[in-house]
Amino acid sequence: MSALQMETAMKFETLARKVEDCLLHAPSCVCDSCVARKVGGMELGRVRNVTRRIGQSQTGSRYTGRCSECGRTTVVTVMNSVSM
């Protein structure tokens, strides 16, 4: 892996952690635009890549719904609850 590829991978992992943290602390589902704003105005496309991965994993869900931040009806992401 080249130095540039490693740097890109590290930036993605850092963004992924910020997005996950934002979703974990959200009262409910959040749209990509609000997530991008909450994690420091990151590029919407980069945030959308992360939220899609979360939505396809067991840790999250992605669907059309009302954003708990802005109130728009759009595609939103939410972290799934973990029962112990």
PDB file of N, CA and C in Angstrom:
ATOM      1  N   MET A   1       0.857  -1.176   0.000  1.00  0.00           N
ATOM      2  CA  MET A   1       0.000   0.000   0.000  1.00  0.00           C
ATOM      3  C   MET A   1       0.900   1.234   0.000  1.00  0.00           C
ATOM      4  N   SER A   2       0.610   2.160  -0.897  1.00  0.00           N
ATOM      5  CA  SER A   2       1.417   3.377  -0.986  1.00  0.00           C
ATOM      6  C   SER A   2       1.103   4.313   0.178  1.00  0.00           C
ATOM      7  N   ALA A   3       1.951   5.305   0.370  1.00  0.00           N
ATOM      8  CA  ALA A   3       1.747   6.283   1.439  1.00  0.00           C
ATOM      9  C   ALA A   3       0.445   7.050   1.227  1.00  0.00           C
ATOM     10  N   LEU A   4       0.142   7.379  -0.025  1.00  0.00           N
ATOM     11  CA  LEU A   4      -1.098   8.095  -0.329  1.00  0.00           C
ATOM     12  C   LEU A   4      -2.317   7.238  -0.015  1.00  0.00           C
ATOM     13  N   GLN A   5      -2.258   5.950  -0.351  1.00  0.00           N
ATOM     14  CA  GLN A   5      -3.375   5.050  -0.053  1.00  0.00           C
ATOM     15  C   GLN A   5      -3.558   4.909   1.454  1.00  0.00           C
ATOM     16  N   MET A   6      -2.456   4.829   2.186  1.00  0.00           N
ATOM     17  CA  MET A   6      -2.547   4.721   3.648  1.00  0.00           C
ATOM     18  C   MET A   6      -3.147   5.987   4.247  1.00  0.00           C
ATOM     19  N   GLU A   7      -2.735   7.145   3.736  1.00  0.00           N
ATOM     20  CA  GLU A   7      -3.269   8.412   4.240  1.00  0.00           C
ATOM     21  C   GLU A   7      -4.767   8.511   3.958  1.00  0.00           C
ATOM     22  N   THR A   8      -5.179   8.116   2.762  1.00  0.00           N
ATOM     23  CA  THR A   8      -6.593   8.141   2.389  1.00  0.00           C
ATOM     24  C   THR A   8      -7.402   7.198   3.282  1.00  0.00           C
ATOM     25  N   ALA A   9      -6.875   6.000   3.531  1.00  0.00           N
ATOM     26  CA  ALA A   9      -7.566   5.031   4.393  1.00  0.00           C
ATOM     27  C   ALA A   9      -7.698   5.570   5.816  1.00  0.00           C
ATOM     28  N   MET A  10      -6.652   6.221   6.325  1.00  0.00           N
ATOM     29  CA  MET A  10      -6.700   6.777   7.680  1.00  0.00           C
ATOM     30  C   MET A  10      -7.730   7.898   7.768  1.00  0.00           C
ATOM     31  N   LYS A  11      -7.804   8.752   6.737  1.00  0.00           N
ATOM     32  CA  LYS A  11      -8.794   9.833   6.733  1.00  0.00           C
ATOM     33  C   LYS A  11     -10.204   9.258   6.718  1.00  0.00           C
ATOM     34  N   PHE A  12     -10.426   8.182   5.938  1.00  0.00           N
ATOM     35  CA  PHE A  12     -11.744   7.563   5.877  1.00  0.00           C
ATOM     36  C   PHE A  12     -12.122   6.988   7.236  1.00  0.00           C
ATOM     37  N   GLU A  13     -11.171   6.308   7.900  1.00  0.00           N
ATOM     38  CA  GLU A  13     -11.452   5.730   9.215  1.00  0.00           C
ATOM     39  C   GLU A  13     -11.772   6.821  10.235  1.00  0.00           C
ATOM     40  N   THR A  14     -11.059   7.946  10.176  1.00  0.00           N
ATOM     41  CA  THR A  14     -11.324   9.058  11.085  1.00  0.00           C
ATOM     42  C   THR A  14     -12.716   9.620  10.833  1.00  0.00           C
ATOM     43  N   LEU A  15     -13.073   9.822   9.562  1.00  0.00           N
ATOM     44  CA  LEU A  15     -14.404  10.317   9.226  1.00  0.00           C
ATOM     45  C   LEU A  15     -15.462   9.317   9.666  1.00  0.00           C
ATOM     46  N   ALA A  16     -15.210   8.027   9.442  1.00  0.00           N
ATOM     47  CA  ALA A  16     -16.173   6.995   9.839  1.00  0.00           C
ATOM     48  C   ALA A  16     -16.432   7.049  11.344  1.00  0.00           C
ATOM     49  N   ARG A  17     -15.385   7.233  12.132  1.00  0.00           N
ATOM     50  CA  ARG A  17     -15.566   7.329  13.594  1.00  0.00           C
ATOM     51  C   ARG A  17     -16.385   8.549  13.962  1.00  0.00           C
ATOM     52  N   LYS A  18     -16.135   9.689  13.299  1.00  0.00           N
ATOM     53  CA  LYS A  18     -16.895  10.911  13.583  1.00  0.00           C
ATOM     54  C   LYS A  18     -18.365  10.726  13.238  1.00  0.00           C
ATOM     55  N   VAL A  19     -18.638  10.099  12.096  1.00  0.00           N
ATOM     56  CA  VAL A  19     -20.016   9.870  11.668  1.00  0.00           C
ATOM     57  C   VAL A  19     -20.712   8.915  12.635  1.00  0.00           C
ATOM     58  N   GLU A  20     -20.056   7.831  13.006  1.00  0.00           N
ATOM     59  CA  GLU A  20     -20.649   6.883  13.958  1.00  0.00           C
ATOM     60  C   GLU A  20     -20.939   7.569  15.283  1.00  0.00           C
ATOM     61  N   ASP A  21     -20.021   8.392  15.758  1.00  0.00           N
ATOM     62  CA  ASP A  21     -20.222   9.104  17.016  1.00  0.00           C
ATOM     63  C   ASP A  21     -21.414  10.054  16.912  1.00  0.00           C
ATOM     64  N   CYS A  22     -21.527  10.748  15.791  1.00  0.00           N
ATOM     65  CA  CYS A  22     -22.652  11.655  15.569  1.00  0.00           C
ATOM     66  C   CYS A  22     -23.967  10.885  15.617  1.00  0.00           C
ATOM     67  N   LEU A  23     -24.017   9.745  14.931  1.00  0.00           N
ATOM     68  CA  LEU A  23     -25.252   8.950  14.886  1.00  0.00           C
ATOM     69  C   LEU A  23     -25.579   8.326  16.236  1.00  0.00           C
ATOM     70  N   LEU A  24     -24.548   7.928  16.981  1.00  0.00           N
ATOM     71  CA  LEU A  24     -24.777   7.337  18.305  1.00  0.00           C
ATOM     72  C   LEU A  24     -25.386   8.342  19.272  1.00  0.00           C
ATOM     73  N   HIS A  25     -25.056   9.613  19.109  1.00  0.00           N
ATOM     74  CA  HIS A  25     -25.548  10.646  20.019  1.00  0.00           C
ATOM     75  C   HIS A  25     -26.789  11.379  19.504  1.00  0.00           C
ATOM     76  N   ALA A  26     -27.230  11.010  18.314  1.00  0.00           N
ATOM     77  CA  ALA A  26     -28.434  11.635  17.750  1.00  0.00           C
ATOM     78  C   ALA A  26     -29.674  11.068  18.433  1.00  0.00           C
ATOM     79  N   PRO A  27     -30.711  11.887  18.601  1.00  0.00           N
ATOM     80  CA  PRO A  27     -31.932  11.396  19.246  1.00  0.00           C
ATOM     81  C   PRO A  27     -32.667  10.351  18.407  1.00  0.00           C
ATOM     82  N   SER A  28     -32.433  10.385  17.108  1.00  0.00           N
ATOM     83  CA  SER A  28     -33.118   9.456  16.197  1.00  0.00           C
ATOM     84  C   SER A  28     -32.354   9.457  14.879  1.00  0.00           C
ATOM     85  N   CYS A  29     -33.032   9.168  13.782  1.00  0.00           N
ATOM     86  CA  CYS A  29     -32.386   9.096  12.468  1.00  0.00           C
ATOM     87  C   CYS A  29     -31.975  10.488  11.983  1.00  0.00           C
ATOM     88  N   VAL A  30     -30.887  10.530  11.199  1.00  0.00           N
ATOM     89  CA  VAL A  30     -30.330  11.800  10.735  1.00  0.00           C
ATOM     90  C   VAL A  30     -29.996  11.694   9.246  1.00  0.00           C
ATOM     91  N   CYS A  31     -30.271  12.762   8.489  1.00  0.00           N
ATOM     92  CA  CYS A  31     -29.937  12.784   7.063  1.00  0.00           C
ATOM     93  C   CYS A  31     -28.449  13.071   6.872  1.00  0.00           C
ATOM     94  N   ASP A  32     -27.941  12.758   5.688  1.00  0.00           N
ATOM     95  CA  ASP A  32     -26.524  12.941   5.397  1.00  0.00           C
ATOM     96  C   ASP A  32     -26.091  14.404   5.509  1.00  0.00           C
ATOM     97  N   SER A  33     -26.941  15.327   5.090  1.00  0.00           N
ATOM     98  CA  SER A  33     -26.593  16.750   5.163  1.00  0.00           C
ATOM     99  C   SER A  33     -26.370  17.194   6.605  1.00  0.00           C
ATOM    100  N   CYS A  34     -27.231  16.757   7.504  1.00  0.00           N
ATOM    101  CA  CYS A  34     -27.082  17.121   8.916  1.00  0.00           C
ATOM    102  C   CYS A  34     -25.868  16.443   9.539  1.00  0.00           C
ATOM    103  N   VAL A  35     -25.609  15.190   9.159  1.00  0.00           N
ATOM    104  CA  VAL A  35     -24.408  14.507   9.648  1.00  0.00           C
ATOM    105  C   VAL A  35     -23.179  15.272   9.192  1.00  0.00           C
ATOM    106  N   ALA A  36     -23.131  15.656   7.913  1.00  0.00           N
ATOM    107  CA  ALA A  36     -21.984  16.389   7.375  1.00  0.00           C
ATOM    108  C   ALA A  36     -21.766  17.690   8.148  1.00  0.00           C
ATOM    109  N   ARG A  37     -22.847  18.402   8.441  1.00  0.00           N
ATOM    110  CA  ARG A  37     -22.745  19.655   9.192  1.00  0.00           C
ATOM    111  C   ARG A  37     -22.234  19.407  10.607  1.00  0.00           C
ATOM    112  N   LYS A  38     -22.741  18.347  11.246  1.00  0.00           N
ATOM    113  CA  LYS A  38     -22.365  18.060  12.635  1.00  0.00           C
ATOM    114  C   LYS A  38     -20.928  17.563  12.785  1.00  0.00           C
ATOM    115  N   VAL A  39     -20.373  16.965  11.743  1.00  0.00           N
ATOM    116  CA  VAL A  39     -18.996  16.464  11.846  1.00  0.00           C
ATOM    117  C   VAL A  39     -17.991  17.459  11.266  1.00  0.00           C
ATOM    118  N   GLY A  40     -18.383  18.703  11.190  1.00  0.00           N
ATOM    119  CA  GLY A  40     -17.429  19.729  10.789  1.00  0.00           C
ATOM    120  C   GLY A  40     -17.498  20.145   9.342  1.00  0.00           C
ATOM    121  N   GLY A  41     -18.666  20.040   8.741  1.00  0.00           N
ATOM    122  CA  GLY A  41     -18.830  20.505   7.369  1.00  0.00           C
ATOM    123  C   GLY A  41     -18.100  19.670   6.332  1.00  0.00           C
ATOM    124  N   MET A  42     -17.974  18.381   6.597  1.00  0.00           N
ATOM    125  CA  MET A  42     -17.295  17.494   5.659  1.00  0.00           C
ATOM    126  C   MET A  42     -18.076  17.411   4.354  1.00  0.00           C
ATOM    127  N   GLU A  43     -17.384  17.070   3.282  1.00  0.00           N
ATOM    128  CA  GLU A  43     -17.991  16.929   1.965  1.00  0.00           C
ATOM    129  C   GLU A  43     -19.114  15.891   2.026  1.00  0.00           C
ATOM    130  N   LEU A  44     -20.268  16.268   1.507  1.00  0.00           N
ATOM    131  CA  LEU A  44     -21.462  15.414   1.574  1.00  0.00           C
ATOM    132  C   LEU A  44     -21.228  14.037   0.956  1.00  0.00           C
ATOM    133  N   GLY A  45     -20.532  13.979  -0.154  1.00  0.00           N
ATOM    134  CA  GLY A  45     -20.276  12.693  -0.815  1.00  0.00           C
ATOM    135  C   GLY A  45     -19.476  11.744   0.052  1.00  0.00           C
ATOM    136  N   ARG A  46     -18.505  12.272   0.776  1.00  0.00           N
ATOM    137  CA  ARG A  46     -17.693  11.435   1.667  1.00  0.00           C
ATOM    138  C   ARG A  46     -18.530  10.929   2.833  1.00  0.00           C
ATOM    139  N   VAL A  47     -19.365  11.799   3.388  1.00  0.00           N
ATOM    140  CA  VAL A  47     -20.248  11.393   4.494  1.00  0.00           C
ATOM    141  C   VAL A  47     -21.229  10.337   4.003  1.00  0.00           C
ATOM    142  N   ARG A  48     -21.772  10.535   2.807  1.00  0.00           N
ATOM    143  CA  ARG A  48     -22.740   9.584   2.250  1.00  0.00           C
ATOM    144  C   ARG A  48     -22.109   8.202   2.081  1.00  0.00           C
ATOM    145  N   ASN A  49     -20.844   8.135   1.677  1.00  0.00           N
ATOM    146  CA  ASN A  49     -20.158   6.839   1.560  1.00  0.00           C
ATOM    147  C   ASN A  49     -20.130   6.119   2.902  1.00  0.00           C
ATOM    148  N   VAL A  50     -19.869   6.861   3.973  1.00  0.00           N
ATOM    149  CA  VAL A  50     -19.811   6.264   5.316  1.00  0.00           C
ATOM    150  C   VAL A  50     -21.198   5.827   5.766  1.00  0.00           C
ATOM    151  N   THR A  51     -22.216   6.687   5.587  1.00  0.00           N
ATOM    152  CA  THR A  51     -23.552   6.328   6.055  1.00  0.00           C
ATOM    153  C   THR A  51     -24.118   5.148   5.269  1.00  0.00           C
ATOM    154  N   ARG A  52     -23.757   5.036   3.996  1.00  0.00           N
ATOM    155  CA  ARG A  52     -24.191   3.857   3.224  1.00  0.00           C
ATOM    156  C   ARG A  52     -23.600   2.585   3.806  1.00  0.00           C
ATOM    157  N   ARG A  53     -22.322   2.622   4.148  1.00  0.00           N
ATOM    158  CA  ARG A  53     -21.680   1.440   4.750  1.00  0.00           C
ATOM    159  C   ARG A  53     -22.328   1.092   6.085  1.00  0.00           C
ATOM    160  N   ILE A  54     -22.615   2.115   6.877  1.00  0.00           N
ATOM    161  CA  ILE A  54     -23.267   1.867   8.172  1.00  0.00           C
ATOM    162  C   ILE A  54     -24.652   1.261   7.940  1.00  0.00           C
ATOM    163  N   GLY A  55     -25.391   1.803   6.973  1.00  0.00           N
ATOM    164  CA  GLY A  55     -26.730   1.304   6.670  1.00  0.00           C
ATOM    165  C   GLY A  55     -26.748  -0.122   6.157  1.00  0.00           C
ATOM    166  N   GLN A  56     -25.657  -0.560   5.544  1.00  0.00           N
ATOM    167  CA  GLN A  56     -25.568  -1.927   5.025  1.00  0.00           C
ATOM    168  C   GLN A  56     -25.006  -2.897   6.054  1.00  0.00           C
ATOM    169  N   SER A  57     -24.588  -2.384   7.192  1.00  0.00           N
ATOM    170  CA  SER A  57     -24.010  -3.243   8.224  1.00  0.00           C
ATOM    171  C   SER A  57     -25.076  -3.598   9.260  1.00  0.00           C
ATOM    172  N   GLN A  58     -24.704  -4.444  10.200  1.00  0.00           N
ATOM    173  CA  GLN A  58     -25.621  -4.824  11.274  1.00  0.00           C
ATOM    174  C   GLN A  58     -25.739  -3.725  12.323  1.00  0.00           C
ATOM    175  N   THR A  59     -24.819  -2.756  12.297  1.00  0.00           N
ATOM    176  CA  THR A  59     -24.819  -1.706  13.320  1.00  0.00           C
ATOM    177  C   THR A  59     -25.756  -0.555  13.003  1.00  0.00           C
ATOM    178  N   GLY A  60     -26.243  -0.475  11.754  1.00  0.00           N
ATOM    179  CA  GLY A  60     -27.086   0.653  11.391  1.00  0.00           C
ATOM    180  C   GLY A  60     -28.169   0.301  10.402  1.00  0.00           C
ATOM    181  N   SER A  61     -29.057   1.272  10.183  1.00  0.00           N
ATOM    182  CA  SER A  61     -30.134   1.136   9.204  1.00  0.00           C
ATOM    183  C   SER A  61     -30.218   2.430   8.408  1.00  0.00           C
ATOM    184  N   ARG A  62     -30.621   2.298   7.158  1.00  0.00           N
ATOM    185  CA  ARG A  62     -30.733   3.456   6.265  1.00  0.00           C
ATOM    186  C   ARG A  62     -32.043   3.318   5.506  1.00  0.00           C
ATOM    187  N   TYR A  63     -32.863   4.356   5.528  1.00  0.00           N
ATOM    188  CA  TYR A  63     -34.180   4.293   4.907  1.00  0.00           C
ATOM    189  C   TYR A  63     -34.710   5.709   4.693  1.00  0.00           C
ATOM    190  N   THR A  64     -35.820   5.835   3.987  1.00  0.00           N
ATOM    191  CA  THR A  64     -36.460   7.131   3.810  1.00  0.00           C
ATOM    192  C   THR A  64     -37.286   7.422   5.054  1.00  0.00           C
ATOM    193  N   GLY A  65     -37.030   8.564   5.658  1.00  0.00           N
ATOM    194  CA  GLY A  65     -37.733   8.945   6.879  1.00  0.00           C
ATOM    195  C   GLY A  65     -37.548  10.425   7.151  1.00  0.00           C
ATOM    196  N   ARG A  66     -38.006  10.880   8.299  1.00  0.00           N
ATOM    197  CA  ARG A  66     -37.888  12.294   8.685  1.00  0.00           C
ATOM    198  C   ARG A  66     -36.645  12.481   9.557  1.00  0.00           C
ATOM    199  N   CYS A  67     -35.769  13.373   9.129  1.00  0.00           N
ATOM    200  CA  CYS A  67     -34.536  13.667   9.866  1.00  0.00           C
ATOM    201  C   CYS A  67     -34.879  14.304  11.209  1.00  0.00           C
ATOM    202  N   SER A  68     -34.265  13.802  12.276  1.00  0.00           N
ATOM    203  CA  SER A  68     -34.535  14.334  13.615  1.00  0.00           C
ATOM    204  C   SER A  68     -33.889  15.703  13.829  1.00  0.00           C
ATOM    205  N   GLU A  69     -32.996  16.113  12.938  1.00  0.00           N
ATOM    206  CA  GLU A  69     -32.319  17.403  13.076  1.00  0.00           C
ATOM    207  C   GLU A  69     -33.014  18.510  12.284  1.00  0.00           C
ATOM    208  N   CYS A  70     -33.247  18.291  10.979  1.00  0.00           N
ATOM    209  CA  CYS A  70     -33.788  19.356  10.128  1.00  0.00           C
ATOM    210  C   CYS A  70     -35.265  19.173   9.798  1.00  0.00           C
ATOM    211  N   GLY A  71     -35.808  17.972  10.028  1.00  0.00           N
ATOM    212  CA  GLY A  71     -37.218  17.713   9.790  1.00  0.00           C
ATOM    213  C   GLY A  71     -37.581  17.349   8.359  1.00  0.00           C
ATOM    214  N   ARG A  72     -36.579  17.335   7.453  1.00  0.00           N
ATOM    215  CA  ARG A  72     -36.874  16.969   6.056  1.00  0.00           C
ATOM    216  C   ARG A  72     -37.139  15.475   5.938  1.00  0.00           C
ATOM    217  N   THR A  73     -38.001  15.108   4.979  1.00  0.00           N
ATOM    218  CA  THR A  73     -38.201  13.708   4.654  1.00  0.00           C
ATOM    219  C   THR A  73     -37.225  13.376   3.540  1.00  0.00           C
ATOM    220  N   THR A  74     -36.286  12.484   3.848  1.00  0.00           N
ATOM    221  CA  THR A  74     -35.212  12.126   2.927  1.00  0.00           C
ATOM    222  C   THR A  74     -34.601  10.804   3.391  1.00  0.00           C
ATOM    223  N   VAL A  75     -33.533  10.386   2.781  1.00  0.00           N
ATOM    224  CA  VAL A  75     -32.842   9.178   3.236  1.00  0.00           C
ATOM    225  C   VAL A  75     -32.105   9.523   4.533  1.00  0.00           C
ATOM    226  N   VAL A  76     -32.338   8.709   5.562  1.00  0.00           N
ATOM    227  CA  VAL A  76     -31.741   8.934   6.877  1.00  0.00           C
ATOM    228  C   VAL A  76     -31.013   7.669   7.338  1.00  0.00           C
ATOM    229  N   THR A  77     -30.128   7.845   8.296  1.00  0.00           N
ATOM    230  CA  THR A  77     -29.379   6.729   8.867  1.00  0.00           C
ATOM    231  C   THR A  77     -29.540   6.773  10.378  1.00  0.00           C
ATOM    232  N   VAL A  78     -29.610   5.600  10.985  1.00  0.00           N
ATOM    233  CA  VAL A  78     -29.708   5.485  12.432  1.00  0.00           C
ATOM    234  C   VAL A  78     -28.850   4.310  12.877  1.00  0.00           C
ATOM    235  N   MET A  79     -28.237   4.441  14.035  1.00  0.00           N
ATOM    236  CA  MET A  79     -27.484   3.315  14.604  1.00  0.00           C
ATOM    237  C   MET A  79     -28.480   2.413  15.312  1.00  0.00           C
ATOM    238  N   ASN A  80     -28.366   1.118  15.104  1.00  0.00           N
ATOM    239  CA  ASN A  80     -29.258   0.165  15.745  1.00  0.00           C
ATOM    240  C   ASN A  80     -28.889   0.001  17.206  1.00  0.00           C
ATOM    241  N   SER A  81     -29.882  -0.220  18.030  1.00  0.00           N
ATOM    242  CA  SER A  81     -29.658  -0.455  19.463  1.00  0.00           C
ATOM    243  C   SER A  81     -29.018  -1.815  19.661  1.00  0.00           C
ATOM    244  N   VAL A  82     -28.158  -1.875  20.650  1.00  0.00           N
ATOM    245  CA  VAL A  82     -27.515  -3.149  20.992  1.00  0.00           C
ATOM    246  C   VAL A  82     -28.075  -3.601  22.341  1.00  0.00           C
ATOM    247  N   SER A  83     -28.682  -4.775  22.366  1.00  0.00           N
ATOM    248  CA  SER A  83     -29.228  -5.313  23.616  1.00  0.00           C
ATOM    249  C   SER A  83     -28.188  -6.183  24.289  1.00  0.00           C
ATOM    250  N   MET A  84     -28.154  -6.066  25.604  1.00  0.00           N
ATOM    251  CA  MET A  84     -27.209  -6.890  26.370  1.00  0.00           C
ATOM    252  C   MET A  84     -27.962  -7.767  27.315  1.00  0.00           C
TER     253      MET A  84
END
